[in-house]
Amino acid sequence: MASPGPVTPKAPFEPSQPPVIEGFSPSVYSNTESFKEKFLRKTRENPVVPIGCLGTAAALTYGLYCFHLGHSQRSQLMMRTRIAAQGFTVTAILLGLAASAMKSRS
């Protein structure tokens, strides 16, 4: 049997730093984005999603307000509207994902 060669000491593992993998960059973007910058970029990429989120929140808020007032018919209508707005938002997210996947392929 052959004995293993000499072991060269490596730099110590630093858990606060990301691992260095040759040919891999942990971030697609060279600079870090703030929350506001990322929100604006994502809104520009798919502007329908925030509209759907606002519609969902508005229907939920108004439906809960009607429920508080005792208007059960209107509250039920607004809860159904909320479900439709949620479906619209999920569809917009999925279409945005499909469009970005198609764009990255070409």
PDB file of N, CA and C in Angstrom:
ATOM      1  N   MET A   1       0.832  -1.184   0.000  1.00  0.00           N
ATOM      2  CA  MET A   1       0.000   0.000   0.000  1.00  0.00           C
ATOM      3  C   MET A   1       0.870   1.238   0.000  1.00  0.00           C
ATOM      4  N   ALA A   2       0.388   2.211  -0.729  1.00  0.00           N
ATOM      5  CA  ALA A   2       1.124   3.469  -0.794  1.00  0.00           C
ATOM      6  C   ALA A   2       0.646   4.384   0.322  1.00  0.00           C
ATOM      7  N   SER A   3       1.578   5.056   0.938  1.00  0.00           N
ATOM      8  CA  SER A   3       1.186   5.982   1.998  1.00  0.00           C
ATOM      9  C   SER A   3       0.745   7.305   1.375  1.00  0.00           C
ATOM     10  N   PRO A   4      -0.226   7.980   2.003  1.00  0.00           N
ATOM     11  CA  PRO A   4      -0.700   9.249   1.450  1.00  0.00           C
ATOM     12  C   PRO A   4       0.398  10.299   1.508  1.00  0.00           C
ATOM     13  N   GLY A   5       0.316  11.265   0.581  1.00  0.00           N
ATOM     14  CA  GLY A   5       1.306  12.329   0.514  1.00  0.00           C
ATOM     15  C   GLY A   5       1.163  13.274   1.692  1.00  0.00           C
ATOM     16  N   PRO A   6       2.068  14.211   1.796  1.00  0.00           N
ATOM     17  CA  PRO A   6       2.003  15.158   2.912  1.00  0.00           C
ATOM     18  C   PRO A   6       0.749  16.042   2.807  1.00  0.00           C
ATOM     19  N   VAL A   7       0.197  16.366   3.929  1.00  0.00           N
ATOM     20  CA  VAL A   7      -1.015  17.189   3.997  1.00  0.00           C
ATOM     21  C   VAL A   7      -0.592  18.639   4.162  1.00  0.00           C
ATOM     22  N   THR A   8      -1.113  19.487   3.274  1.00  0.00           N
ATOM     23  CA  THR A   8      -0.805  20.917   3.388  1.00  0.00           C
ATOM     24  C   THR A   8      -1.944  21.600   4.132  1.00  0.00           C
ATOM     25  N   PRO A   9      -1.639  22.401   5.123  1.00  0.00           N
ATOM     26  CA  PRO A   9      -2.718  23.053   5.879  1.00  0.00           C
ATOM     27  C   PRO A   9      -3.436  24.094   5.011  1.00  0.00           C
ATOM     28  N   LYS A  10      -4.766  24.092   5.091  1.00  0.00           N
ATOM     29  CA  LYS A  10      -5.592  25.067   4.374  1.00  0.00           C
ATOM     30  C   LYS A  10      -5.943  26.206   5.320  1.00  0.00           C
ATOM     31  N   ALA A  11      -6.531  27.252   4.733  1.00  0.00           N
ATOM     32  CA  ALA A  11      -7.008  28.358   5.561  1.00  0.00           C
ATOM     33  C   ALA A  11      -8.135  27.833   6.446  1.00  0.00           C
ATOM     34  N   PRO A  12      -8.240  28.299   7.671  1.00  0.00           N
ATOM     35  CA  PRO A  12      -9.294  27.812   8.558  1.00  0.00           C
ATOM     36  C   PRO A  12     -10.677  28.173   8.017  1.00  0.00           C
ATOM     37  N   PHE A  13     -11.633  27.330   8.308  1.00  0.00           N
ATOM     38  CA  PHE A  13     -13.016  27.555   7.893  1.00  0.00           C
ATOM     39  C   PHE A  13     -13.587  28.747   8.650  1.00  0.00           C
ATOM     40  N   GLU A  14     -14.179  29.678   7.905  1.00  0.00           N
ATOM     41  CA  GLU A  14     -14.786  30.880   8.513  1.00  0.00           C
ATOM     42  C   GLU A  14     -16.296  30.825   8.266  1.00  0.00           C
ATOM     43  N   PRO A  15     -17.101  30.509   9.303  1.00  0.00           N
ATOM     44  CA  PRO A  15     -18.545  30.346   9.098  1.00  0.00           C
ATOM     45  C   PRO A  15     -19.275  31.634   8.724  1.00  0.00           C
ATOM     46  N   SER A  16     -18.698  32.803   8.993  1.00  0.00           N
ATOM     47  CA  SER A  16     -19.376  34.053   8.667  1.00  0.00           C
ATOM     48  C   SER A  16     -19.232  34.426   7.195  1.00  0.00           C
ATOM     49  N   GLN A  17     -18.339  33.755   6.470  1.00  0.00           N
ATOM     50  CA  GLN A  17     -18.113  34.036   5.056  1.00  0.00           C
ATOM     51  C   GLN A  17     -18.734  32.921   4.207  1.00  0.00           C
ATOM     52  N   PRO A  18     -19.278  33.272   3.016  1.00  0.00           N
ATOM     53  CA  PRO A  18     -19.820  32.218   2.161  1.00  0.00           C
ATOM     54  C   PRO A  18     -18.697  31.336   1.632  1.00  0.00           C
ATOM     55  N   PRO A  19     -19.002  30.089   1.323  1.00  0.00           N
ATOM     56  CA  PRO A  19     -17.954  29.210   0.815  1.00  0.00           C
ATOM     57  C   PRO A  19     -17.497  29.668  -0.566  1.00  0.00           C
ATOM     58  N   VAL A  20     -16.237  29.453  -0.857  1.00  0.00           N
ATOM     59  CA  VAL A  20     -15.682  29.821  -2.151  1.00  0.00           C
ATOM     60  C   VAL A  20     -15.751  28.598  -3.052  1.00  0.00           C
ATOM     61  N   ILE A  21     -16.557  28.707  -4.104  1.00  0.00           N
ATOM     62  CA  ILE A  21     -16.707  27.627  -5.062  1.00  0.00           C
ATOM     63  C   ILE A  21     -16.270  28.172  -6.410  1.00  0.00           C
ATOM     64  N   GLU A  22     -15.324  27.504  -7.021  1.00  0.00           N
ATOM     65  CA  GLU A  22     -14.771  27.992  -8.282  1.00  0.00           C
ATOM     66  C   GLU A  22     -15.864  28.040  -9.357  1.00  0.00           C
ATOM     67  N   GLY A  23     -16.000  29.196 -10.014  1.00  0.00           N
ATOM     68  CA  GLY A  23     -16.967  29.358 -11.087  1.00  0.00           C
ATOM     69  C   GLY A  23     -18.376  29.649 -10.615  1.00  0.00           C
ATOM     70  N   PHE A  24     -18.590  29.864  -9.339  1.00  0.00           N
ATOM     71  CA  PHE A  24     -19.928  30.117  -8.814  1.00  0.00           C
ATOM     72  C   PHE A  24     -19.936  31.428  -8.054  1.00  0.00           C
ATOM     73  N   SER A  25     -20.897  32.282  -8.387  1.00  0.00           N
ATOM     74  CA  SER A  25     -21.063  33.538  -7.676  1.00  0.00           C
ATOM     75  C   SER A  25     -22.350  33.443  -6.859  1.00  0.00           C
ATOM     76  N   PRO A  26     -22.312  33.651  -5.538  1.00  0.00           N
ATOM     77  CA  PRO A  26     -23.518  33.484  -4.729  1.00  0.00           C
ATOM     78  C   PRO A  26     -24.591  34.526  -5.016  1.00  0.00           C
ATOM     79  N   SER A  27     -24.250  35.608  -5.677  1.00  0.00           N
ATOM     80  CA  SER A  27     -25.223  36.642  -5.985  1.00  0.00           C
ATOM     81  C   SER A  27     -25.173  36.954  -7.470  1.00  0.00           C
ATOM     82  N   VAL A  28     -26.357  37.051  -8.070  1.00  0.00           N
ATOM     83  CA  VAL A  28     -26.433  37.393  -9.486  1.00  0.00           C
ATOM     84  C   VAL A  28     -26.061  38.851  -9.679  1.00  0.00           C
ATOM     85  N   TYR A  29     -26.398  39.664  -8.712  1.00  0.00           N
ATOM     86  CA  TYR A  29     -26.165  41.092  -8.801  1.00  0.00           C
ATOM     87  C   TYR A  29     -24.861  41.444  -8.099  1.00  0.00           C
ATOM     88  N   SER A  30     -24.097  42.319  -8.729  1.00  0.00           N
ATOM     89  CA  SER A  30     -22.786  42.637  -8.186  1.00  0.00           C
ATOM     90  C   SER A  30     -22.882  43.492  -6.923  1.00  0.00           C
ATOM     91  N   ASN A  31     -23.905  44.319  -6.817  1.00  0.00           N
ATOM     92  CA  ASN A  31     -24.049  45.131  -5.609  1.00  0.00           C
ATOM     93  C   ASN A  31     -25.301  44.683  -4.856  1.00  0.00           C
ATOM     94  N   THR A  32     -25.315  44.911  -3.570  1.00  0.00           N
ATOM     95  CA  THR A  32     -26.483  44.524  -2.782  1.00  0.00           C
ATOM     96  C   THR A  32     -27.556  45.578  -2.937  1.00  0.00           C
ATOM     97  N   GLU A  33     -28.800  45.115  -2.976  1.00  0.00           N
ATOM     98  CA  GLU A  33     -29.936  46.012  -3.139  1.00  0.00           C
ATOM     99  C   GLU A  33     -30.597  46.240  -1.794  1.00  0.00           C
ATOM    100  N   SER A  34     -31.120  47.435  -1.618  1.00  0.00           N
ATOM    101  CA  SER A  34     -31.933  47.683  -0.435  1.00  0.00           C
ATOM    102  C   SER A  34     -33.324  47.111  -0.699  1.00  0.00           C
ATOM    103  N   PHE A  35     -34.155  47.060   0.315  1.00  0.00           N
ATOM    104  CA  PHE A  35     -35.514  46.542   0.164  1.00  0.00           C
ATOM    105  C   PHE A  35     -36.289  47.364  -0.860  1.00  0.00           C
ATOM    106  N   LYS A  36     -36.167  48.686  -0.788  1.00  0.00           N
ATOM    107  CA  LYS A  36     -36.896  49.567  -1.703  1.00  0.00           C
ATOM    108  C   LYS A  36     -36.448  49.340  -3.151  1.00  0.00           C
ATOM    109  N   GLU A  37     -35.135  49.238  -3.374  1.00  0.00           N
ATOM    110  CA  GLU A  37     -34.622  49.018  -4.723  1.00  0.00           C
ATOM    111  C   GLU A  37     -35.101  47.680  -5.284  1.00  0.00           C
ATOM    112  N   LYS A  38     -35.080  46.644  -4.452  1.00  0.00           N
ATOM    113  CA  LYS A  38     -35.523  45.336  -4.905  1.00  0.00           C
ATOM    114  C   LYS A  38     -37.021  45.349  -5.195  1.00  0.00           C
ATOM    115  N   PHE A  39     -37.811  46.006  -4.337  1.00  0.00           N
ATOM    116  CA  PHE A  39     -39.257  46.102  -4.545  1.00  0.00           C
ATOM    117  C   PHE A  39     -39.564  46.818  -5.858  1.00  0.00           C
ATOM    118  N   LEU A  40     -38.879  47.929  -6.117  1.00  0.00           N
ATOM    119  CA  LEU A  40     -39.116  48.669  -7.354  1.00  0.00           C
ATOM    120  C   LEU A  40     -38.703  47.859  -8.583  1.00  0.00           C
ATOM    121  N   ARG A  41     -37.595  47.134  -8.489  1.00  0.00           N
ATOM    122  CA  ARG A  41     -37.150  46.309  -9.615  1.00  0.00           C
ATOM    123  C   ARG A  41     -38.151  45.193  -9.904  1.00  0.00           C
ATOM    124  N   LYS A  42     -38.601  44.522  -8.856  1.00  0.00           N
ATOM    125  CA  LYS A  42     -39.574  43.444  -9.033  1.00  0.00           C
ATOM    126  C   LYS A  42     -40.904  43.979  -9.558  1.00  0.00           C
ATOM    127  N   THR A  43     -41.302  45.167  -9.116  1.00  0.00           N
ATOM    128  CA  THR A  43     -42.547  45.767  -9.597  1.00  0.00           C
ATOM    129  C   THR A  43     -42.429  46.117 -11.073  1.00  0.00           C
ATOM    130  N   ARG A  44     -41.270  46.608 -11.494  1.00  0.00           N
ATOM    131  CA  ARG A  44     -41.069  46.897 -12.921  1.00  0.00           C
ATOM    132  C   ARG A  44     -41.068  45.619 -13.751  1.00  0.00           C
ATOM    133  N   GLU A  45     -40.528  44.538 -13.206  1.00  0.00           N
ATOM    134  CA  GLU A  45     -40.487  43.275 -13.933  1.00  0.00           C
ATOM    135  C   GLU A  45     -41.885  42.681 -14.117  1.00  0.00           C
ATOM    136  N   ASN A  46     -42.731  42.761 -13.107  1.00  0.00           N
ATOM    137  CA  ASN A  46     -44.076  42.194 -13.177  1.00  0.00           C
ATOM    138  C   ASN A  46     -45.041  43.119 -12.440  1.00  0.00           C
ATOM    139  N   PRO A  47     -45.559  44.170 -13.101  1.00  0.00           N
ATOM    140  CA  PRO A  47     -46.376  45.164 -12.410  1.00  0.00           C
ATOM    141  C   PRO A  47     -47.770  44.684 -12.019  1.00  0.00           C
ATOM    142  N   VAL A  48     -48.216  43.547 -12.532  1.00  0.00           N
ATOM    143  CA  VAL A  48     -49.568  43.083 -12.244  1.00  0.00           C
ATOM    144  C   VAL A  48     -49.667  42.487 -10.834  1.00  0.00           C
ATOM    145  N   VAL A  49     -48.580  41.931 -10.330  1.00  0.00           N
ATOM    146  CA  VAL A  49     -48.615  41.279  -9.017  1.00  0.00           C
ATOM    147  C   VAL A  49     -48.942  42.265  -7.892  1.00  0.00           C
ATOM    148  N   PRO A  50     -48.287  43.434  -7.794  1.00  0.00           N
ATOM    149  CA  PRO A  50     -48.680  44.367  -6.729  1.00  0.00           C
ATOM    150  C   PRO A  50     -50.128  44.853  -6.852  1.00  0.00           C
ATOM    151  N   ILE A  51     -50.610  44.978  -8.084  1.00  0.00           N
ATOM    152  CA  ILE A  51     -52.017  45.373  -8.270  1.00  0.00           C
ATOM    153  C   ILE A  51     -52.934  44.295  -7.703  1.00  0.00           C
ATOM    154  N   GLY A  52     -52.621  43.028  -7.972  1.00  0.00           N
ATOM    155  CA  GLY A  52     -53.411  41.928  -7.420  1.00  0.00           C
ATOM    156  C   GLY A  52     -53.339  41.872  -5.906  1.00  0.00           C
ATOM    157  N   CYS A  53     -52.160  42.135  -5.356  1.00  0.00           N
ATOM    158  CA  CYS A  53     -52.002  42.144  -3.889  1.00  0.00           C
ATOM    159  C   CYS A  53     -52.833  43.254  -3.257  1.00  0.00           C
ATOM    160  N   LEU A  54     -52.805  44.423  -3.868  1.00  0.00           N
ATOM    161  CA  LEU A  54     -53.607  45.535  -3.344  1.00  0.00           C
ATOM    162  C   LEU A  54     -55.102  45.242  -3.458  1.00  0.00           C
ATOM    163  N   GLY A  55     -55.509  44.629  -4.562  1.00  0.00           N
ATOM    164  CA  GLY A  55     -56.916  44.259  -4.719  1.00  0.00           C
ATOM    165  C   GLY A  55     -57.353  43.239  -3.673  1.00  0.00           C
ATOM    166  N   THR A  56     -56.492  42.265  -3.411  1.00  0.00           N
ATOM    167  CA  THR A  56     -56.788  41.257  -2.398  1.00  0.00           C
ATOM    168  C   THR A  56     -56.916  41.905  -1.014  1.00  0.00           C
ATOM    169  N   ALA A  57     -55.980  42.782  -0.687  1.00  0.00           N
ATOM    170  CA  ALA A  57     -56.011  43.446   0.622  1.00  0.00           C
ATOM    171  C   ALA A  57     -57.245  44.344   0.752  1.00  0.00           C
ATOM    172  N   ALA A  58     -57.595  45.035  -0.327  1.00  0.00           N
ATOM    173  CA  ALA A  58     -58.766  45.917  -0.281  1.00  0.00           C
ATOM    174  C   ALA A  58     -60.048  45.115  -0.091  1.00  0.00           C
ATOM    175  N   ALA A  59     -60.195  44.002  -0.821  1.00  0.00           N
ATOM    176  CA  ALA A  59     -61.395  43.171  -0.687  1.00  0.00           C
ATOM    177  C   ALA A  59     -61.483  42.565   0.713  1.00  0.00           C
ATOM    178  N   LEU A  60     -60.352  42.126   1.242  1.00  0.00           N
ATOM    179  CA  LEU A  60     -60.347  41.562   2.595  1.00  0.00           C
ATOM    180  C   LEU A  60     -60.720  42.619   3.628  1.00  0.00           C
ATOM    181  N   THR A  61     -60.123  43.791   3.517  1.00  0.00           N
ATOM    182  CA  THR A  61     -60.387  44.855   4.493  1.00  0.00           C
ATOM    183  C   THR A  61     -61.853  45.277   4.461  1.00  0.00           C
ATOM    184  N   TYR A  62     -62.369  45.506   3.246  1.00  0.00           N
ATOM    185  CA  TYR A  62     -63.768  45.935   3.142  1.00  0.00           C
ATOM    186  C   TYR A  62     -64.713  44.815   3.578  1.00  0.00           C
ATOM    187  N   GLY A  63     -64.373  43.561   3.271  1.00  0.00           N
ATOM    188  CA  GLY A  63     -65.206  42.439   3.707  1.00  0.00           C
ATOM    189  C   GLY A  63     -65.244  42.308   5.217  1.00  0.00           C
ATOM    190  N   LEU A  64     -64.102  42.494   5.870  1.00  0.00           N
ATOM    191  CA  LEU A  64     -64.085  42.443   7.338  1.00  0.00           C
ATOM    192  C   LEU A  64     -64.848  43.613   7.948  1.00  0.00           C
ATOM    193  N   TYR A  65     -64.742  44.780   7.316  1.00  0.00           N
ATOM    194  CA  TYR A  65     -65.495  45.947   7.798  1.00  0.00           C
ATOM    195  C   TYR A  65     -66.998  45.701   7.682  1.00  0.00           C
ATOM    196  N   CYS A  66     -67.442  45.141   6.561  1.00  0.00           N
ATOM    197  CA  CYS A  66     -68.867  44.827   6.393  1.00  0.00           C
ATOM    198  C   CYS A  66     -69.312  43.761   7.384  1.00  0.00           C
ATOM    199  N   PHE A  67     -68.448  42.790   7.651  1.00  0.00           N
ATOM    200  CA  PHE A  67     -68.763  41.769   8.645  1.00  0.00           C
ATOM    201  C   PHE A  67     -68.935  42.395  10.025  1.00  0.00           C
ATOM    202  N   HIS A  68     -68.070  43.351  10.351  1.00  0.00           N
ATOM    203  CA  HIS A  68     -68.161  44.047  11.630  1.00  0.00           C
ATOM    204  C   HIS A  68     -69.474  44.827  11.742  1.00  0.00           C
ATOM    205  N   LEU A  69     -69.905  45.420  10.638  1.00  0.00           N
ATOM    206  CA  LEU A  69     -71.152  46.181  10.648  1.00  0.00           C
ATOM    207  C   LEU A  69     -72.386  45.294  10.630  1.00  0.00           C
ATOM    208  N   GLY A  70     -72.215  44.021  10.297  1.00  0.00           N
ATOM    209  CA  GLY A  70     -73.353  43.102  10.262  1.00  0.00           C
ATOM    210  C   GLY A  70     -73.968  42.954   8.885  1.00  0.00           C
ATOM    211  N   HIS A  71     -73.340  43.435   7.856  1.00  0.00           N
ATOM    212  CA  HIS A  71     -73.832  43.284   6.486  1.00  0.00           C
ATOM    213  C   HIS A  71     -73.299  41.967   5.925  1.00  0.00           C
ATOM    214  N   SER A  72     -74.000  40.884   6.242  1.00  0.00           N
ATOM    215  CA  SER A  72     -73.465  39.563   5.908  1.00  0.00           C
ATOM    216  C   SER A  72     -73.434  39.310   4.403  1.00  0.00           C
ATOM    217  N   GLN A  73     -74.436  39.785   3.667  1.00  0.00           N
ATOM    218  CA  GLN A  73     -74.452  39.570   2.227  1.00  0.00           C
ATOM    219  C   GLN A  73     -73.243  40.239   1.559  1.00  0.00           C
ATOM    220  N   ARG A  74     -73.000  41.480   1.899  1.00  0.00           N
ATOM    221  CA  ARG A  74     -71.877  42.209   1.303  1.00  0.00           C
ATOM    222  C   ARG A  74     -70.548  41.605   1.764  1.00  0.00           C
ATOM    223  N   SER A  75     -70.475  41.176   3.016  1.00  0.00           N
ATOM    224  CA  SER A  75     -69.255  40.551   3.522  1.00  0.00           C
ATOM    225  C   SER A  75     -68.948  39.275   2.740  1.00  0.00           C
ATOM    226  N   GLN A  76     -69.973  38.458   2.485  1.00  0.00           N
ATOM    227  CA  GLN A  76     -69.780  37.232   1.698  1.00  0.00           C
ATOM    228  C   GLN A  76     -69.324  37.551   0.275  1.00  0.00           C
ATOM    229  N   LEU A  77     -69.918  38.577  -0.316  1.00  0.00           N
ATOM    230  CA  LEU A  77     -69.527  38.985  -1.665  1.00  0.00           C
ATOM    231  C   LEU A  77     -68.062  39.422  -1.696  1.00  0.00           C
ATOM    232  N   MET A  78     -67.640  40.167  -0.684  1.00  0.00           N
ATOM    233  CA  MET A  78     -66.261  40.646  -0.654  1.00  0.00           C
ATOM    234  C   MET A  78     -65.280  39.499  -0.394  1.00  0.00           C
ATOM    235  N   MET A  79     -65.682  38.493   0.375  1.00  0.00           N
ATOM    236  CA  MET A  79     -64.798  37.345   0.585  1.00  0.00           C
ATOM    237  C   MET A  79     -64.642  36.557  -0.715  1.00  0.00           C
ATOM    238  N   ARG A  80     -65.717  36.462  -1.496  1.00  0.00           N
ATOM    239  CA  ARG A  80     -65.601  35.807  -2.812  1.00  0.00           C
ATOM    240  C   ARG A  80     -64.749  36.638  -3.756  1.00  0.00           C
ATOM    241  N   THR A  81     -64.878  37.946  -3.662  1.00  0.00           N
ATOM    242  CA  THR A  81     -64.042  38.830  -4.468  1.00  0.00           C
ATOM    243  C   THR A  81     -62.580  38.682  -4.076  1.00  0.00           C
ATOM    244  N   ARG A  82     -62.330  38.519  -2.791  1.00  0.00           N
ATOM    245  CA  ARG A  82     -60.960  38.316  -2.315  1.00  0.00           C
ATOM    246  C   ARG A  82     -60.358  37.041  -2.899  1.00  0.00           C
ATOM    247  N   ILE A  83     -61.149  35.982  -2.944  1.00  0.00           N
ATOM    248  CA  ILE A  83     -60.665  34.718  -3.522  1.00  0.00           C
ATOM    249  C   ILE A  83     -60.334  34.912  -4.994  1.00  0.00           C
ATOM    250  N   ALA A  84     -61.171  35.635  -5.721  1.00  0.00           N
ATOM    251  CA  ALA A  84     -60.905  35.903  -7.136  1.00  0.00           C
ATOM    252  C   ALA A  84     -59.625  36.735  -7.295  1.00  0.00           C
ATOM    253  N   ALA A  85     -59.446  37.724  -6.432  1.00  0.00           N
ATOM    254  CA  ALA A  85     -58.243  38.560  -6.498  1.00  0.00           C
ATOM    255  C   ALA A  85     -56.996  37.739  -6.159  1.00  0.00           C
ATOM    256  N   GLN A  86     -57.109  36.818  -5.220  1.00  0.00           N
ATOM    257  CA  GLN A  86     -55.979  35.946  -4.904  1.00  0.00           C
ATOM    258  C   GLN A  86     -55.642  35.052  -6.094  1.00  0.00           C
ATOM    259  N   GLY A  87     -56.649  34.526  -6.752  1.00  0.00           N
ATOM    260  CA  GLY A  87     -56.415  33.714  -7.935  1.00  0.00           C
ATOM    261  C   GLY A  87     -55.745  34.513  -9.041  1.00  0.00           C
ATOM    262  N   PHE A  88     -56.182  35.759  -9.209  1.00  0.00           N
ATOM    263  CA  PHE A  88     -55.572  36.648 -10.192  1.00  0.00           C
ATOM    264  C   PHE A  88     -54.099  36.874  -9.858  1.00  0.00           C
ATOM    265  N   THR A  89     -53.797  37.089  -8.585  1.00  0.00           N
ATOM    266  CA  THR A  89     -52.419  37.344  -8.165  1.00  0.00           C
ATOM    267  C   THR A  89     -51.542  36.115  -8.374  1.00  0.00           C
ATOM    268  N   VAL A  90     -52.026  34.949  -8.009  1.00  0.00           N
ATOM    269  CA  VAL A  90     -51.246  33.719  -8.193  1.00  0.00           C
ATOM    270  C   VAL A  90     -51.007  33.465  -9.680  1.00  0.00           C
ATOM    271  N   THR A  91     -52.030  33.698 -10.506  1.00  0.00           N
ATOM    272  CA  THR A  91     -51.872  33.540 -11.954  1.00  0.00           C
ATOM    273  C   THR A  91     -50.829  34.510 -12.495  1.00  0.00           C
ATOM    274  N   ALA A  92     -50.859  35.751 -12.016  1.00  0.00           N
ATOM    275  CA  ALA A  92     -49.882  36.753 -12.458  1.00  0.00           C
ATOM    276  C   ALA A  92     -48.467  36.339 -12.061  1.00  0.00           C
ATOM    277  N   ILE A  93     -48.306  35.788 -10.862  1.00  0.00           N
ATOM    278  CA  ILE A  93     -46.984  35.327 -10.415  1.00  0.00           C
ATOM    279  C   ILE A  93     -46.494  34.190 -11.309  1.00  0.00           C
ATOM    280  N   LEU A  94     -47.372  33.222 -11.587  1.00  0.00           N
ATOM    281  CA  LEU A  94     -46.975  32.083 -12.418  1.00  0.00           C
ATOM    282  C   LEU A  94     -46.644  32.510 -13.843  1.00  0.00           C
ATOM    283  N   LEU A  95     -47.435  33.420 -14.409  1.00  0.00           N
ATOM    284  CA  LEU A  95     -47.137  33.911 -15.756  1.00  0.00           C
ATOM    285  C   LEU A  95     -45.820  34.693 -15.775  1.00  0.00           C
ATOM    286  N   GLY A  96     -45.557  35.467 -14.713  1.00  0.00           N
ATOM    287  CA  GLY A  96     -44.292  36.187 -14.625  1.00  0.00           C
ATOM    288  C   GLY A  96     -43.111  35.243 -14.533  1.00  0.00           C
ATOM    289  N   LEU A  97     -43.261  34.158 -13.779  1.00  0.00           N
ATOM    290  CA  LEU A  97     -42.196  33.156 -13.682  1.00  0.00           C
ATOM    291  C   LEU A  97     -41.965  32.474 -15.023  1.00  0.00           C
ATOM    292  N   ALA A  98     -43.053  32.135 -15.728  1.00  0.00           N
ATOM    293  CA  ALA A  98     -42.915  31.498 -17.024  1.00  0.00           C
ATOM    294  C   ALA A  98     -42.246  32.447 -18.029  1.00  0.00           C
ATOM    295  N   ALA A  99     -42.624  33.723 -17.993  1.00  0.00           N
ATOM    296  CA  ALA A  99     -42.017  34.693 -18.918  1.00  0.00           C
ATOM    297  C   ALA A  99     -40.537  34.881 -18.631  1.00  0.00           C
ATOM    298  N   SER A 100     -40.168  34.934 -17.368  1.00  0.00           N
ATOM    299  CA  SER A 100     -38.743  35.093 -17.051  1.00  0.00           C
ATOM    300  C   SER A 100     -37.954  33.837 -17.393  1.00  0.00           C
ATOM    301  N   ALA A 101     -38.570  32.651 -17.267  1.00  0.00           N
ATOM    302  CA  ALA A 101     -37.888  31.420 -17.648  1.00  0.00           C
ATOM    303  C   ALA A 101     -37.680  31.363 -19.155  1.00  0.00           C
ATOM    304  N   MET A 102     -38.674  31.808 -19.906  1.00  0.00           N
ATOM    305  CA  MET A 102     -38.534  31.832 -21.364  1.00  0.00           C
ATOM    306  C   MET A 102     -37.480  32.857 -21.801  1.00  0.00           C
ATOM    307  N   LYS A 103     -37.440  33.993 -21.092  1.00  0.00           N
ATOM    308  CA  LYS A 103     -36.469  35.034 -21.441  1.00  0.00           C
ATOM    309  C   LYS A 103     -35.045  34.557 -21.157  1.00  0.00           C
ATOM    310  N   SER A 104     -34.865  33.803 -20.070  1.00  0.00           N
ATOM    311  CA  SER A 104     -33.518  33.341 -19.728  1.00  0.00           C
ATOM    312  C   SER A 104     -33.044  32.254 -20.682  1.00  0.00           C
ATOM    313  N   ARG A 105     -33.953  31.512 -21.305  1.00  0.00           N
ATOM    314  CA  ARG A 105     -33.572  30.461 -22.264  1.00  0.00           C
ATOM    315  C   ARG A 105     -33.044  31.048 -23.556  1.00  0.00           C
ATOM    316  N   SER A 106     -33.613  32.182 -23.956  1.00  0.00           N
ATOM    317  CA  SER A 106     -33.196  32.750 -25.242  1.00  0.00           C
ATOM    318  C   SER A 106     -32.056  33.722 -25.116  1.00  0.00           C
TER     319      SER A 106
END
